[in-house]
C-alpha atoms as a PDB file:
ATOM      1  CA  UNK A   1     -14.189 -52.471 157.247  1.00  0.00           C
ATOM      2  CA  UNK A   2     -12.803 -49.236 155.768  1.00  0.00           C
ATOM      3  CA  UNK A   3     -14.976 -48.683 152.759  1.00  0.00           C
ATOM      4  CA  UNK A   4     -18.265 -49.343 150.990  1.00  0.00           C
ATOM      5  CA  UNK A   5     -19.773 -49.151 147.484  1.00  0.00           C
ATOM      6  CA  UNK A   6     -23.477 -48.523 146.554  1.00  0.00           C
ATOM      7  CA  UNK A   7     -25.490 -47.862 143.405  1.00  0.00           C
ATOM      8  CA  UNK A   8     -27.383 -44.472 143.845  1.00  0.00           C
ATOM      9  CA  UNK A   9     -30.446 -43.724 141.989  1.00  0.00           C
ATOM     10  CA  UNK A  10     -29.060 -41.070 139.718  1.00  0.00           C
ATOM     11  CA  UNK A  11     -25.780 -39.073 139.095  1.00  0.00           C
ATOM     12  CA  UNK A  12     -26.055 -36.207 141.629  1.00  0.00           C
ATOM     13  CA  UNK A  13     -24.124 -34.079 144.400  1.00  0.00           C
ATOM     14  CA  UNK A  14     -25.741 -35.210 148.005  1.00  0.00           C
ATOM     15  CA  UNK A  15     -25.088 -35.885 151.256  1.00  0.00           C
ATOM     16  CA  UNK A  16     -24.056 -39.357 152.270  1.00  0.00           C
ATOM     17  CA  UNK A  17     -24.320 -40.451 155.904  1.00  0.00           C
ATOM     18  CA  UNK A  18     -23.074 -43.740 156.987  1.00  0.00           C
ATOM     19  CA  UNK A  19     -23.850 -45.401 160.478  1.00  0.00           C
ATOM     20  CA  UNK A  20     -22.785 -48.703 162.168  1.00  0.00           C
ATOM     21  CA  UNK A  21     -23.643 -50.598 165.033  1.00  0.00           C
ATOM     22  CA  UNK A  22     -22.439 -53.784 166.526  1.00  0.00           C
ATOM     23  CA  UNK A  23     -24.985 -56.343 166.446  1.00  0.00           C
ATOM     24  CA  UNK A  24     -28.297 -56.491 164.494  1.00  0.00           C
ATOM     25  CA  UNK A  25     -30.007 -53.653 163.005  1.00  0.00           C
ATOM     26  CA  UNK A  26     -33.594 -55.029 163.711  1.00  0.00           C
ATOM     27  CA  UNK A  27     -35.285 -53.050 166.346  1.00  0.00           C
ATOM     28  CA  UNK A  28     -32.911 -50.104 165.837  1.00  0.00           C
ATOM     29  CA  UNK A  29     -34.099 -48.770 162.709  1.00  0.00           C
ATOM     30  CA  UNK A  30     -35.838 -45.848 164.230  1.00  0.00           C
ATOM     31  CA  UNK A  31     -33.255 -45.126 166.903  1.00  0.00           C
ATOM     32  CA  UNK A  32     -30.475 -42.788 165.763  1.00  0.00           C
ATOM     33  CA  UNK A  33     -28.739 -42.775 169.062  1.00  0.00           C
ATOM     34  CA  UNK A  34     -28.185 -46.702 168.796  1.00  0.00           C
ATOM     35  CA  UNK A  35     -25.834 -46.168 165.898  1.00  0.00           C
ATOM     36  CA  UNK A  36     -22.366 -44.549 165.364  1.00  0.00           C
ATOM     37  CA  UNK A  37     -22.032 -42.054 162.635  1.00  0.00           C
ATOM     38  CA  UNK A  38     -18.870 -43.111 160.573  1.00  0.00           C
ATOM     39  CA  UNK A  39     -19.164 -40.911 157.465  1.00  0.00           C
ATOM     40  CA  UNK A  40     -20.680 -37.741 156.827  1.00  0.00           C
ATOM     41  CA  UNK A  41     -19.928 -35.838 153.676  1.00  0.00           C
ATOM     42  CA  UNK A  42     -21.318 -34.219 150.517  1.00  0.00           C
ATOM     43  CA  UNK A  43     -19.909 -36.232 147.231  1.00  0.00           C
ATOM     44  CA  UNK A  44     -20.713 -36.584 143.807  1.00  0.00           C
ATOM     45  CA  UNK A  45     -22.439 -39.900 143.195  1.00  0.00           C
ATOM     46  CA  UNK A  46     -22.305 -42.001 139.993  1.00  0.00           C
ATOM     47  CA  UNK A  47     -25.538 -43.209 138.023  1.00  0.00           C
ATOM     48  CA  UNK A  48     -27.264 -46.179 138.999  1.00  0.00           C
ATOM     49  CA  UNK A  49     -24.996 -48.438 136.476  1.00  0.00           C
ATOM     50  CA  UNK A  50     -21.850 -47.519 137.958  1.00  0.00           C
ATOM     51  CA  UNK A  51     -21.087 -47.966 141.890  1.00  0.00           C
ATOM     52  CA  UNK A  52     -20.138 -44.910 144.130  1.00  0.00           C
ATOM     53  CA  UNK A  53     -17.239 -46.029 146.320  1.00  0.00           C
ATOM     54  CA  UNK A  54     -16.893 -44.493 149.714  1.00  0.00           C
ATOM     55  CA  UNK A  55     -13.093 -45.353 150.266  1.00  0.00           C
ATOM     56  CA  UNK A  56     -12.557 -44.074 153.526  1.00  0.00           C
ATOM     57  CA  UNK A  57     -14.738 -44.041 156.871  1.00  0.00           C
ATOM     58  CA  UNK A  58     -13.699 -41.778 159.724  1.00  0.00           C
ATOM     59  CA  UNK A  59     -12.475 -44.843 161.565  1.00  0.00           C
ATOM     60  CA  UNK A  60     -11.796 -48.543 160.689  1.00  0.00           C
ATOM     61  CA  UNK A  61     -14.535 -50.687 161.862  1.00  0.00           C
ATOM     62  CA  UNK A  62     -13.241 -54.163 163.295  1.00  0.00           C
ATOM     63  CA  UNK A  63     -15.523 -56.961 163.421  1.00  0.00           C
ATOM     64  CA  UNK A  64     -14.646 -59.918 165.625  1.00  0.00           C
ATOM     65  CA  UNK A  65     -14.816 -63.421 163.633  1.00  0.00           C
ATOM     66  CA  UNK A  66     -18.396 -64.775 164.341  1.00  0.00           C
ATOM     67  CA  UNK A  67     -19.831 -61.205 165.001  1.00  0.00           C
ATOM     68  CA  UNK A  68     -22.535 -59.389 163.389  1.00  0.00           C
ATOM     69  CA  UNK A  69     -22.081 -55.522 162.368  1.00  0.00           C
ATOM     70  CA  UNK A  70     -25.024 -53.323 160.977  1.00  0.00           C
ATOM     71  CA  UNK A  71     -24.671 -50.558 158.429  1.00  0.00           C
ATOM     72  CA  UNK A  72     -27.063 -47.866 157.677  1.00  0.00           C
ATOM     73  CA  UNK A  73     -26.466 -45.823 154.593  1.00  0.00           C
ATOM     74  CA  UNK A  74     -28.675 -42.549 154.231  1.00  0.00           C
ATOM     75  CA  UNK A  75     -28.635 -40.172 151.338  1.00  0.00           C
ATOM     76  CA  UNK A  76     -31.377 -37.789 149.756  1.00  0.00           C
ATOM     77  CA  UNK A  77     -30.440 -39.346 146.582  1.00  0.00           C
ATOM     78  CA  UNK A  78     -32.106 -42.580 146.780  1.00  0.00           C
ATOM     79  CA  UNK A  79     -30.041 -46.017 146.758  1.00  0.00           C
ATOM     80  CA  UNK A  80     -30.660 -48.700 144.253  1.00  0.00           C
ATOM     81  CA  UNK A  81     -31.616 -52.135 145.508  1.00  0.00           C
ATOM     82  CA  UNK A  82     -32.985 -55.425 144.551  1.00  0.00           C
ATOM     83  CA  UNK A  83     -35.960 -57.325 146.032  1.00  0.00           C
ATOM     84  CA  UNK A  84     -34.857 -60.047 148.139  1.00  0.00           C
ATOM     85  CA  UNK A  85     -36.262 -63.314 149.161  1.00  0.00           C
ATOM     86  CA  UNK A  86     -36.028 -63.333 152.972  1.00  0.00           C
ATOM     87  CA  UNK A  87     -34.744 -60.840 155.356  1.00  0.00           C
ATOM     88  CA  UNK A  88     -31.559 -62.206 156.932  1.00  0.00           C
ATOM     89  CA  UNK A  89     -30.882 -64.739 154.179  1.00  0.00           C
ATOM     90  CA  UNK A  90     -27.179 -65.031 153.046  1.00  0.00           C
ATOM     91  CA  UNK A  91     -26.389 -63.064 149.812  1.00  0.00           C
ATOM     92  CA  UNK A  92     -22.837 -63.510 149.375  1.00  0.00           C
ATOM     93  CA  UNK A  93     -19.705 -64.836 151.421  1.00  0.00           C
ATOM     94  CA  UNK A  94     -16.002 -65.127 151.195  1.00  0.00           C
ATOM     95  CA  UNK A  95     -13.357 -66.301 153.792  1.00  0.00           C
ATOM     96  CA  UNK A  96     -13.719 -62.872 155.566  1.00  0.00           C
ATOM     97  CA  UNK A  97     -17.246 -61.935 155.724  1.00  0.00           C
ATOM     98  CA  UNK A  98     -20.978 -62.819 155.094  1.00  0.00           C
ATOM     99  CA  UNK A  99     -23.352 -60.417 153.589  1.00  0.00           C
ATOM    100  CA  UNK A 100     -27.106 -60.781 154.454  1.00  0.00           C
ATOM    101  CA  UNK A 101     -30.462 -59.497 153.068  1.00  0.00           C
ATOM    102  CA  UNK A 102     -31.650 -56.566 154.942  1.00  0.00           C
ATOM    103  CA  UNK A 103     -34.151 -53.657 154.353  1.00  0.00           C
ATOM    104  CA  UNK A 104     -34.702 -50.220 152.771  1.00  0.00           C
ATOM    105  CA  UNK A 105     -36.417 -47.348 154.513  1.00  0.00           C
ATOM    106  CA  UNK A 106     -38.184 -44.313 152.773  1.00  0.00           C
ATOM    107  CA  UNK A 107     -37.073 -41.732 155.730  1.00  0.00           C
ATOM    108  CA  UNK A 108     -33.934 -41.705 157.926  1.00  0.00           C
ATOM    109  CA  UNK A 109     -34.451 -43.418 160.969  1.00  0.00           C
ATOM    110  CA  UNK A 110     -38.136 -43.665 160.783  1.00  0.00           C
ATOM    111  CA  UNK A 111     -40.125 -45.830 163.197  1.00  0.00           C
ATOM    112  CA  UNK A 112     -43.114 -46.099 160.745  1.00  0.00           C
ATOM    113  CA  UNK A 113     -43.475 -49.689 159.558  1.00  0.00           C
ATOM    114  CA  UNK A 114     -45.041 -48.172 156.350  1.00  0.00           C
ATOM    115  CA  UNK A 115     -41.760 -46.427 155.580  1.00  0.00           C
ATOM    116  CA  UNK A 116     -39.780 -49.833 155.447  1.00  0.00           C
ATOM    117  CA  UNK A 117     -39.195 -52.053 152.333  1.00  0.00           C
ATOM    118  CA  UNK A 118     -38.104 -55.712 153.085  1.00  0.00           C
ATOM    119  CA  UNK A 119     -36.276 -57.849 152.185  1.00  0.00           C
ATOM    120  CA  UNK A 120     -33.807 -55.939 150.135  1.00  0.00           C
ATOM    121  CA  UNK A 121     -30.360 -56.695 148.685  1.00  0.00           C
ATOM    122  CA  UNK A 122     -28.018 -53.675 148.231  1.00  0.00           C
END
């Protein structure tokens, strides 16, 4: 994985940080040291109707077939998402990857359960 796209809540110039970790995110949402920062830039984000594309992480993320890789996107300019049905439910797949429902958080790496919205689809 070398890039990602997301919908921001509004057009703005703001910091975007993207973290990753091998394995599931559950249990690590509040633990920044369990994640590897792979992108940290101030960028111009599109409005909610046009995806904002991050086209190059600081490094490629190699995922072995059958492995789980988690991603954590943070920006003070909120991300758009849809309510899901079940956290961990399959959202989309192709021959290379499967994408599952996850969660959204109000605060970066918060360990407060009331800061978590689940399930979410990004």
